[in-house]
Amino acid sequence: MRSAAGEVLHFSEDPTIEVFRPRTTYVWAVGHDRAPDYWFPRQCPRAMAWVGPSTTPDDQARIIGPGSGSRVHAVEYGWLNAMRTVELYAYRLPAEPFELNDAAFVSTTEVQPLGPPERVGDLFELHDEAGIQLRVLNRLHDFWAEVITSTLEWSGIRLRNARP
């Protein structure tokens, strides 16, 4: 589930949104390259790392693994059932009212979807089809500590929901 040219995506477990209104200042969306960051239940803590232009071969081998692709996502065991059963939807939104803000796109105005939401489907299949390694760990924090001190690019979402 990725955006097409001229589109950005908003992922939600709510299939009934007709208009996106700014919450805490913005309507948030993501482009094609960051869509995989949201192939998770909304409250699921996740740590993600991928190869960037400054990534060393040692860090890639140590954290992602030799021959394991260029991207890894990690979740905790306690979230496996939610990953299997969540009904996640993608809304396609017009790109023009959005501006890039760090890794996300934001709009300060209301935005109407381009059509009805699309069910995202099996989150494990999405990761597999995209060649993204998906790891299941007891705790995210040890992995996260390794990732943020490496030369990989990274993102962590809802880490406050991870096990202490």
N, C-alpha and C. Protein backbone atom coordinates (compact mmCIF):
# COMPACT_ATOMS: atom_id res chain seq x y z
N MET A 1 0.85 -1.17 0.00
CA MET A 1 0.00 0.00 0.00
C MET A 1 0.89 1.23 0.00
N ARG A 2 1.02 1.83 -1.14
CA ARG A 2 1.87 3.01 -1.32
C ARG A 2 1.10 4.08 -2.09
N SER A 3 1.54 5.31 -1.94
CA SER A 3 0.88 6.40 -2.65
C SER A 3 1.35 6.47 -4.10
N ALA A 4 0.48 7.00 -4.94
CA ALA A 4 0.81 7.23 -6.34
C ALA A 4 1.25 8.68 -6.50
N ALA A 5 1.69 9.04 -7.68
CA ALA A 5 2.09 10.43 -7.95
C ALA A 5 0.93 11.36 -7.66
N GLY A 6 1.22 12.47 -6.99
CA GLY A 6 0.20 13.46 -6.66
C GLY A 6 -0.64 13.12 -5.45
N GLU A 7 -0.25 12.05 -4.75
CA GLU A 7 -1.00 11.61 -3.58
C GLU A 7 -0.09 11.47 -2.37
N VAL A 8 -0.70 11.55 -1.20
CA VAL A 8 -0.08 11.14 0.05
C VAL A 8 -1.09 10.24 0.74
N LEU A 9 -0.65 9.53 1.76
CA LEU A 9 -1.53 8.58 2.44
C LEU A 9 -1.70 8.93 3.91
N HIS A 10 -2.86 8.60 4.41
CA HIS A 10 -3.11 8.64 5.85
C HIS A 10 -3.64 7.27 6.22
N PHE A 11 -3.04 6.63 7.23
CA PHE A 11 -3.46 5.30 7.68
C PHE A 11 -4.30 5.44 8.93
N SER A 12 -5.37 4.66 9.00
CA SER A 12 -6.27 4.73 10.14
C SER A 12 -6.99 3.40 10.33
N GLU A 13 -7.41 3.14 11.55
CA GLU A 13 -8.26 1.99 11.84
C GLU A 13 -9.74 2.37 11.69
N ASP A 14 -10.02 3.63 11.37
CA ASP A 14 -11.38 4.14 11.21
C ASP A 14 -11.70 4.26 9.73
N PRO A 15 -12.63 3.43 9.21
CA PRO A 15 -12.95 3.50 7.78
C PRO A 15 -14.06 4.50 7.45
N THR A 16 -14.41 5.38 8.40
CA THR A 16 -15.57 6.27 8.19
C THR A 16 -15.20 7.75 8.09
N ILE A 17 -13.94 8.08 7.95
CA ILE A 17 -13.53 9.48 7.91
C ILE A 17 -13.91 10.08 6.55
N GLU A 18 -14.65 11.17 6.59
CA GLU A 18 -15.07 11.83 5.35
C GLU A 18 -14.25 13.08 5.06
N VAL A 19 -13.79 13.75 6.12
CA VAL A 19 -12.96 14.94 5.99
C VAL A 19 -11.89 14.89 7.07
N PHE A 20 -10.66 15.14 6.69
CA PHE A 20 -9.57 15.22 7.68
C PHE A 20 -9.43 16.67 8.11
N ARG A 21 -9.53 16.88 9.42
CA ARG A 21 -9.40 18.22 9.99
C ARG A 21 -8.12 18.27 10.81
N PRO A 22 -7.45 19.40 10.80
CA PRO A 22 -6.21 19.50 11.58
C PRO A 22 -6.44 19.16 13.05
N ARG A 23 -5.67 18.22 13.55
CA ARG A 23 -5.64 17.89 14.98
C ARG A 23 -4.29 18.34 15.48
N THR A 24 -4.31 19.03 16.59
CA THR A 24 -3.08 19.63 17.10
C THR A 24 -2.31 20.31 15.98
N THR A 25 -2.95 21.15 15.26
CA THR A 25 -2.42 22.03 14.23
C THR A 25 -2.43 21.45 12.82
N TYR A 26 -2.22 20.15 12.64
CA TYR A 26 -2.02 19.61 11.30
C TYR A 26 -2.92 18.41 10.98
N VAL A 27 -3.10 18.19 9.69
CA VAL A 27 -3.50 16.91 9.14
C VAL A 27 -2.19 16.25 8.72
N TRP A 28 -1.97 15.03 9.16
CA TRP A 28 -0.71 14.34 8.88
C TRP A 28 -0.90 13.31 7.78
N ALA A 29 0.12 13.14 6.96
CA ALA A 29 0.12 12.13 5.91
C ALA A 29 1.57 11.74 5.60
N VAL A 30 1.72 10.68 4.84
CA VAL A 30 3.07 10.23 4.46
C VAL A 30 3.11 9.95 2.97
N GLY A 31 4.31 10.03 2.43
CA GLY A 31 4.54 9.73 1.03
C GLY A 31 4.89 8.26 0.83
N HIS A 32 5.19 7.94 -0.40
CA HIS A 32 5.50 6.57 -0.82
C HIS A 32 6.58 5.92 0.05
N ASP A 33 7.67 6.65 0.29
CA ASP A 33 8.82 6.05 0.98
C ASP A 33 8.58 5.81 2.46
N ARG A 34 7.70 6.55 3.11
CA ARG A 34 7.47 6.37 4.54
C ARG A 34 6.19 5.61 4.87
N ALA A 35 5.45 5.19 3.86
CA ALA A 35 4.23 4.42 4.09
C ALA A 35 4.47 3.18 4.95
N PRO A 36 5.57 2.42 4.75
CA PRO A 36 5.77 1.23 5.58
C PRO A 36 5.86 1.51 7.08
N ASP A 37 6.20 2.73 7.46
CA ASP A 37 6.27 3.08 8.88
C ASP A 37 4.91 2.95 9.55
N TYR A 38 3.84 2.90 8.75
CA TYR A 38 2.47 2.90 9.28
C TYR A 38 1.72 1.62 8.97
N TRP A 39 2.42 0.57 8.58
CA TRP A 39 1.80 -0.74 8.37
C TRP A 39 1.74 -1.49 9.69
N PHE A 40 1.13 -0.86 10.69
CA PHE A 40 1.04 -1.37 12.06
C PHE A 40 -0.27 -0.88 12.67
N PRO A 41 -0.76 -1.56 13.71
CA PRO A 41 -1.86 -0.98 14.48
C PRO A 41 -1.41 0.38 15.03
N ARG A 42 -2.31 1.30 15.15
CA ARG A 42 -1.98 2.68 15.52
C ARG A 42 -1.14 2.79 16.78
N GLN A 43 -1.52 2.09 17.82
CA GLN A 43 -0.82 2.23 19.10
C GLN A 43 0.39 1.31 19.25
N CYS A 44 0.68 0.53 18.24
CA CYS A 44 1.78 -0.43 18.30
C CYS A 44 3.14 0.27 18.31
N PRO A 45 3.96 0.00 19.33
CA PRO A 45 5.32 0.55 19.31
C PRO A 45 6.15 -0.17 18.27
N ARG A 46 6.96 0.61 17.54
CA ARG A 46 7.80 0.00 16.51
C ARG A 46 9.07 0.79 16.34
N ALA A 47 10.12 0.04 16.06
CA ALA A 47 11.43 0.63 15.79
C ALA A 47 11.82 0.19 14.39
N MET A 48 12.28 1.15 13.60
CA MET A 48 12.58 0.87 12.20
C MET A 48 13.95 1.42 11.86
N ALA A 49 14.67 0.70 11.03
CA ALA A 49 15.99 1.15 10.60
C ALA A 49 16.19 0.74 9.14
N TRP A 50 16.91 1.59 8.42
CA TRP A 50 17.17 1.29 7.02
C TRP A 50 18.50 1.89 6.59
N VAL A 51 19.01 1.37 5.52
CA VAL A 51 20.28 1.82 4.97
C VAL A 51 20.10 3.18 4.34
N GLY A 52 20.99 4.10 4.67
CA GLY A 52 21.01 5.43 4.07
C GLY A 52 22.36 5.68 3.43
N PRO A 53 22.56 6.86 2.89
CA PRO A 53 23.81 7.16 2.20
C PRO A 53 25.04 7.12 3.11
N SER A 54 24.87 7.32 4.40
CA SER A 54 26.02 7.33 5.32
C SER A 54 26.18 6.03 6.10
N THR A 55 25.36 5.04 5.80
CA THR A 55 25.42 3.78 6.54
C THR A 55 26.69 3.01 6.21
N THR A 56 27.37 2.56 7.25
CA THR A 56 28.57 1.75 7.05
C THR A 56 28.19 0.29 6.81
N PRO A 57 29.00 -0.45 6.06
CA PRO A 57 28.73 -1.87 5.88
C PRO A 57 28.68 -2.62 7.21
N ASP A 58 29.53 -2.22 8.17
CA ASP A 58 29.53 -2.88 9.48
C ASP A 58 28.19 -2.71 10.20
N ASP A 59 27.65 -1.48 10.19
CA ASP A 59 26.36 -1.26 10.85
C ASP A 59 25.24 -2.00 10.13
N GLN A 60 25.28 -2.02 8.82
CA GLN A 60 24.26 -2.75 8.08
C GLN A 60 24.30 -4.24 8.44
N ALA A 61 25.49 -4.81 8.46
CA ALA A 61 25.63 -6.24 8.79
C ALA A 61 25.25 -6.52 10.23
N ARG A 62 25.64 -5.64 11.15
CA ARG A 62 25.40 -5.86 12.57
C ARG A 62 23.92 -5.73 12.94
N ILE A 63 23.23 -4.77 12.37
CA ILE A 63 21.86 -4.50 12.80
C ILE A 63 20.82 -5.10 11.85
N ILE A 64 21.03 -4.97 10.56
CA ILE A 64 20.07 -5.53 9.62
C ILE A 64 20.41 -6.98 9.31
N GLY A 65 21.67 -7.28 9.22
CA GLY A 65 22.11 -8.64 8.95
C GLY A 65 22.63 -8.77 7.54
N PRO A 66 23.63 -9.63 7.35
CA PRO A 66 24.18 -9.82 6.00
C PRO A 66 23.15 -10.49 5.09
N GLY A 67 23.00 -9.94 3.91
CA GLY A 67 22.07 -10.52 2.94
C GLY A 67 20.61 -10.41 3.33
N SER A 68 20.28 -9.52 4.27
CA SER A 68 18.90 -9.43 4.77
C SER A 68 18.15 -8.21 4.26
N GLY A 69 18.61 -7.63 3.18
CA GLY A 69 17.93 -6.47 2.64
C GLY A 69 18.47 -5.18 3.21
N SER A 70 17.69 -4.14 3.06
CA SER A 70 18.17 -2.82 3.47
C SER A 70 17.30 -2.16 4.52
N ARG A 71 16.28 -2.88 5.01
CA ARG A 71 15.37 -2.27 5.98
C ARG A 71 14.87 -3.32 6.96
N VAL A 72 14.73 -2.92 8.23
CA VAL A 72 14.20 -3.81 9.25
C VAL A 72 13.22 -3.04 10.12
N HIS A 73 12.11 -3.68 10.46
CA HIS A 73 11.13 -3.16 11.41
C HIS A 73 11.06 -4.14 12.57
N ALA A 74 10.86 -3.62 13.77
CA ALA A 74 10.78 -4.48 14.95
C ALA A 74 9.58 -4.10 15.80
N VAL A 75 8.90 -5.13 16.31
CA VAL A 75 7.79 -4.97 17.23
C VAL A 75 8.00 -5.95 18.38
N GLU A 76 7.16 -5.84 19.39
CA GLU A 76 7.24 -6.75 20.52
C GLU A 76 6.22 -7.88 20.37
N TYR A 77 6.52 -9.03 21.00
CA TYR A 77 5.64 -10.20 20.94
C TYR A 77 4.21 -9.87 21.33
N GLY A 78 4.05 -8.99 22.31
CA GLY A 78 2.72 -8.64 22.78
C GLY A 78 1.83 -8.00 21.73
N TRP A 79 2.39 -7.59 20.61
CA TRP A 79 1.63 -6.94 19.56
C TRP A 79 1.33 -7.85 18.37
N LEU A 80 1.75 -9.11 18.44
CA LEU A 80 1.54 -10.01 17.30
C LEU A 80 0.07 -10.22 16.96
N ASN A 81 -0.76 -10.44 17.98
CA ASN A 81 -2.18 -10.66 17.70
C ASN A 81 -2.81 -9.43 17.07
N ALA A 82 -2.47 -8.26 17.56
CA ALA A 82 -3.00 -7.02 16.96
C ALA A 82 -2.52 -6.87 15.52
N MET A 83 -1.28 -7.24 15.25
CA MET A 83 -0.75 -7.17 13.87
C MET A 83 -1.54 -8.10 12.95
N ARG A 84 -1.94 -9.26 13.48
CA ARG A 84 -2.68 -10.23 12.66
C ARG A 84 -4.14 -9.83 12.44
N THR A 85 -4.73 -9.14 13.40
CA THR A 85 -6.17 -8.92 13.37
C THR A 85 -6.63 -7.50 13.10
N VAL A 86 -5.74 -6.53 13.14
CA VAL A 86 -6.16 -5.14 12.95
C VAL A 86 -6.75 -4.94 11.55
N GLU A 87 -7.78 -4.11 11.48
CA GLU A 87 -8.31 -3.70 10.18
C GLU A 87 -7.80 -2.28 9.96
N LEU A 88 -6.79 -2.19 9.13
CA LEU A 88 -6.13 -0.92 8.85
C LEU A 88 -6.54 -0.44 7.46
N TYR A 89 -6.77 0.86 7.36
CA TYR A 89 -7.22 1.45 6.11
C TYR A 89 -6.26 2.55 5.68
N ALA A 90 -6.13 2.70 4.37
CA ALA A 90 -5.33 3.78 3.81
C ALA A 90 -6.25 4.73 3.07
N TYR A 91 -6.11 6.00 3.40
CA TYR A 91 -6.83 7.05 2.70
C TYR A 91 -5.85 7.72 1.74
N ARG A 92 -6.24 7.84 0.49
CA ARG A 92 -5.45 8.58 -0.49
C ARG A 92 -5.91 10.03 -0.45
N LEU A 93 -4.95 10.92 -0.25
CA LEU A 93 -5.24 12.35 -0.15
C LEU A 93 -4.49 13.10 -1.24
N PRO A 94 -5.04 14.21 -1.72
CA PRO A 94 -4.31 14.99 -2.72
C PRO A 94 -3.06 15.60 -2.08
N ALA A 95 -1.96 15.56 -2.78
CA ALA A 95 -0.69 16.05 -2.23
C ALA A 95 -0.62 17.57 -2.15
N GLU A 96 -1.37 18.27 -2.99
CA GLU A 96 -1.14 19.72 -3.12
C GLU A 96 -1.37 20.53 -1.85
N PRO A 97 -2.28 20.21 -0.91
CA PRO A 97 -2.36 21.08 0.27
C PRO A 97 -1.30 20.76 1.33
N PHE A 98 -0.46 19.76 1.08
CA PHE A 98 0.51 19.31 2.08
C PHE A 98 1.90 19.88 1.80
N GLU A 99 2.63 20.09 2.88
CA GLU A 99 4.04 20.49 2.81
C GLU A 99 4.86 19.47 3.58
N LEU A 100 6.06 19.21 3.10
CA LEU A 100 6.95 18.28 3.78
C LEU A 100 7.44 18.90 5.08
N ASN A 101 7.30 18.15 6.16
CA ASN A 101 7.74 18.57 7.49
C ASN A 101 8.51 17.40 8.08
N ASP A 102 9.82 17.45 7.98
CA ASP A 102 10.68 16.33 8.38
C ASP A 102 10.34 15.14 7.49
N ALA A 103 9.86 14.03 8.03
CA ALA A 103 9.59 12.84 7.23
C ALA A 103 8.12 12.71 6.86
N ALA A 104 7.28 13.61 7.36
CA ALA A 104 5.85 13.53 7.10
C ALA A 104 5.39 14.74 6.29
N PHE A 105 4.18 14.64 5.80
CA PHE A 105 3.54 15.75 5.13
C PHE A 105 2.46 16.30 6.04
N VAL A 106 2.35 17.61 6.09
CA VAL A 106 1.35 18.24 6.95
C VAL A 106 0.54 19.27 6.16
N SER A 107 -0.72 19.40 6.57
CA SER A 107 -1.60 20.42 6.01
C SER A 107 -2.29 21.12 7.17
N THR A 108 -2.44 22.41 7.05
CA THR A 108 -3.14 23.18 8.09
C THR A 108 -4.60 23.40 7.73
N THR A 109 -5.04 22.83 6.60
CA THR A 109 -6.42 22.98 6.18
C THR A 109 -7.11 21.62 6.14
N GLU A 110 -8.43 21.66 6.09
CA GLU A 110 -9.18 20.41 5.94
C GLU A 110 -8.84 19.77 4.60
N VAL A 111 -8.86 18.43 4.59
CA VAL A 111 -8.53 17.70 3.37
C VAL A 111 -9.57 16.60 3.18
N GLN A 112 -10.09 16.50 1.98
CA GLN A 112 -11.04 15.43 1.66
C GLN A 112 -10.30 14.32 0.93
N PRO A 113 -10.56 13.08 1.32
CA PRO A 113 -9.93 11.95 0.62
C PRO A 113 -10.33 11.94 -0.85
N LEU A 114 -9.47 11.35 -1.67
CA LEU A 114 -9.72 11.24 -3.10
C LEU A 114 -10.76 10.17 -3.42
N GLY A 115 -11.07 9.34 -2.45
CA GLY A 115 -12.04 8.27 -2.63
C GLY A 115 -12.21 7.55 -1.31
N PRO A 116 -12.93 6.45 -1.32
CA PRO A 116 -13.12 5.69 -0.09
C PRO A 116 -11.80 5.07 0.37
N PRO A 117 -11.70 4.80 1.67
CA PRO A 117 -10.45 4.18 2.16
C PRO A 117 -10.30 2.77 1.60
N GLU A 118 -9.05 2.36 1.49
CA GLU A 118 -8.75 1.01 1.02
C GLU A 118 -8.24 0.18 2.19
N ARG A 119 -8.78 -1.02 2.34
CA ARG A 119 -8.29 -1.91 3.39
C ARG A 119 -6.86 -2.29 3.04
N VAL A 120 -5.97 -2.14 4.01
CA VAL A 120 -4.54 -2.38 3.76
C VAL A 120 -4.26 -3.86 3.60
N GLY A 121 -4.91 -4.72 4.36
CA GLY A 121 -4.72 -6.15 4.23
C GLY A 121 -3.71 -6.70 5.23
N ASP A 122 -3.14 -7.82 4.91
CA ASP A 122 -2.24 -8.55 5.79
C ASP A 122 -0.93 -7.78 5.96
N LEU A 123 -0.66 -7.34 7.17
CA LEU A 123 0.54 -6.52 7.43
C LEU A 123 1.83 -7.32 7.27
N PHE A 124 1.79 -8.61 7.56
CA PHE A 124 2.97 -9.44 7.37
C PHE A 124 3.27 -9.59 5.88
N GLU A 125 2.23 -9.79 5.08
CA GLU A 125 2.42 -9.89 3.62
C GLU A 125 2.98 -8.60 3.04
N LEU A 126 2.47 -7.47 3.50
CA LEU A 126 2.98 -6.19 3.01
C LEU A 126 4.48 -6.07 3.25
N HIS A 127 4.90 -6.40 4.47
CA HIS A 127 6.33 -6.33 4.78
C HIS A 127 7.13 -7.28 3.88
N ASP A 128 6.62 -8.50 3.73
CA ASP A 128 7.31 -9.49 2.91
C ASP A 128 7.42 -9.02 1.46
N GLU A 129 6.31 -8.56 0.90
CA GLU A 129 6.31 -8.11 -0.49
C GLU A 129 7.24 -6.93 -0.72
N ALA A 130 7.39 -6.08 0.31
CA ALA A 130 8.27 -4.90 0.19
C ALA A 130 9.72 -5.25 0.51
N GLY A 131 10.01 -6.50 0.88
CA GLY A 131 11.37 -6.89 1.21
C GLY A 131 11.85 -6.31 2.53
N ILE A 132 10.91 -6.01 3.43
CA ILE A 132 11.26 -5.45 4.73
C ILE A 132 11.28 -6.56 5.77
N GLN A 133 12.41 -6.72 6.40
CA GLN A 133 12.55 -7.70 7.46
C GLN A 133 11.70 -7.24 8.66
N LEU A 134 10.88 -8.13 9.20
CA LEU A 134 10.04 -7.81 10.35
C LEU A 134 10.48 -8.70 11.51
N ARG A 135 10.98 -8.07 12.55
CA ARG A 135 11.46 -8.81 13.72
C ARG A 135 10.47 -8.67 14.87
N VAL A 136 10.40 -9.76 15.65
CA VAL A 136 9.57 -9.75 16.85
C VAL A 136 10.51 -9.97 18.03
N LEU A 137 10.48 -9.04 18.96
CA LEU A 137 11.42 -9.03 20.08
C LEU A 137 10.68 -9.02 21.41
N ASN A 138 11.38 -9.45 22.46
CA ASN A 138 10.81 -9.34 23.81
C ASN A 138 10.65 -7.88 24.21
N ARG A 139 11.65 -7.09 23.90
CA ARG A 139 11.67 -5.65 24.24
C ARG A 139 12.27 -4.89 23.07
N LEU A 140 11.69 -3.76 22.77
CA LEU A 140 12.22 -2.92 21.69
C LEU A 140 13.42 -2.08 22.12
N HIS A 141 13.50 -1.74 23.41
CA HIS A 141 14.47 -0.74 23.84
C HIS A 141 15.93 -1.11 23.58
N ASP A 142 16.29 -2.37 23.71
CA ASP A 142 17.68 -2.76 23.44
C ASP A 142 18.01 -2.58 21.95
N PHE A 143 17.10 -3.03 21.10
CA PHE A 143 17.26 -2.86 19.66
C PHE A 143 17.33 -1.37 19.32
N TRP A 144 16.42 -0.58 19.90
CA TRP A 144 16.37 0.85 19.66
C TRP A 144 17.68 1.53 20.04
N ALA A 145 18.25 1.15 21.17
CA ALA A 145 19.52 1.73 21.61
C ALA A 145 20.63 1.45 20.59
N GLU A 146 20.63 0.28 19.99
CA GLU A 146 21.62 -0.04 18.96
C GLU A 146 21.39 0.78 17.70
N VAL A 147 20.14 0.88 17.30
CA VAL A 147 19.80 1.57 16.06
C VAL A 147 20.17 3.06 16.12
N ILE A 148 19.80 3.74 17.19
CA ILE A 148 19.99 5.20 17.23
C ILE A 148 21.44 5.61 17.40
N THR A 149 22.30 4.67 17.75
CA THR A 149 23.72 4.98 17.86
C THR A 149 24.51 4.46 16.65
N SER A 150 23.78 3.99 15.64
CA SER A 150 24.42 3.46 14.44
C SER A 150 24.40 4.52 13.33
N THR A 151 24.93 4.13 12.19
CA THR A 151 24.92 5.01 11.02
C THR A 151 23.70 4.77 10.13
N LEU A 152 22.82 3.87 10.56
CA LEU A 152 21.58 3.64 9.82
C LEU A 152 20.64 4.83 10.00
N GLU A 153 19.72 4.98 9.07
CA GLU A 153 18.62 5.93 9.28
C GLU A 153 17.56 5.18 10.06
N TRP A 154 16.76 5.90 10.83
CA TRP A 154 15.84 5.22 11.73
C TRP A 154 14.62 6.08 12.06
N SER A 155 13.61 5.39 12.57
CA SER A 155 12.41 6.04 13.07
C SER A 155 11.81 5.14 14.14
N GLY A 156 11.29 5.75 15.17
CA GLY A 156 10.58 5.03 16.22
C GLY A 156 9.23 5.68 16.43
N ILE A 157 8.19 4.87 16.49
CA ILE A 157 6.85 5.38 16.66
C ILE A 157 6.19 4.66 17.83
N ARG A 158 5.52 5.43 18.67
CA ARG A 158 4.77 4.93 19.84
C ARG A 158 5.67 4.13 20.79
N LEU A 159 6.93 4.51 20.87
CA LEU A 159 7.87 3.78 21.75
C LEU A 159 7.46 3.88 23.22
N ARG A 160 6.67 4.89 23.58
CA ARG A 160 6.20 5.00 24.96
C ARG A 160 5.29 3.81 25.32
N ASN A 161 4.76 3.12 24.31
CA ASN A 161 3.91 1.95 24.54
C ASN A 161 4.70 0.65 24.61
N ALA A 162 6.00 0.72 24.46
CA ALA A 162 6.85 -0.47 24.52
C ALA A 162 7.05 -0.90 25.97
N ARG A 163 7.39 -2.16 26.15
CA ARG A 163 7.68 -2.67 27.49
C ARG A 163 8.88 -1.93 28.07
N PRO A 164 8.84 -1.66 29.37
CA PRO A 164 9.99 -0.94 29.99
C PRO A 164 11.25 -1.79 29.99
